[in-house]
Amino acid sequence: MSHDHPRPCPECGQMRAHRNGVGNTTYGGRTVPEVRLCNVPRYVCENCDAESFSIPKIMELRALLRKAYATSPGRLAPRERRFLRKLMGWAVEDTAQELGVTEARVRRWERRVDAMTYAEEIGLRTVVLTRPPIQDYQNHEHARAIDALMAWSAAASQNVDPSPLFPYGAELHEEGWQAHQQAACA
């Protein structure tokens, strides 16, 4: 084990999780596609052997994912539309206002009830590429929009092998995050 400062273990709560190399994990979860991340700092608890991960440079990773999704070929699936919205820090009402549609329409896009028109999808992609995301989540009235993105450690600690709709992953290098094909994670 390394001699870094311990952090709380997500399983047992003891301050006994220490840095133990790097590993692969996922980002996203339940209601949004999971993206495989490589070379992420890995922690192991000395008390219960639980494994957890810490995602550094999170804003850089989110920017990479926004760009990758917004420029990906083909139509966006409902889960991908929701993921873009959450990466922007938007609630349903924010998305509706940005795109000039009703909140009910946005909800239907994300639940597969209605398909997005090409014009609506181009609008969403354009807004995501040209507008900054909400930066101050603590003070924004729609802070709940990013809650689902924080569930990544649960999937990682259960060794979940995601089968994402989105075919990309991201790998952490000293100079920052880089996109790659999912299969590139070793």
Foldseek 3Di string as FASTA:
>chain_A
DDPDFFPADPPPRDSAKDWDWFAKFWWFDDLAFIAIEGRFTWIAGPVPRFIFTDHPPVLQVLLVLLLCLLPPDDDDALRSLLSLCLSLVHDLVVLCVQQVHDSVVNVCRNVVNDPDDPVSSNSSSVCSVPPHGDDCLVPDPRVVSNVRRVCGGVCGRVVHDGDGPRQWHWYQDPVGIDIDGRVPHD
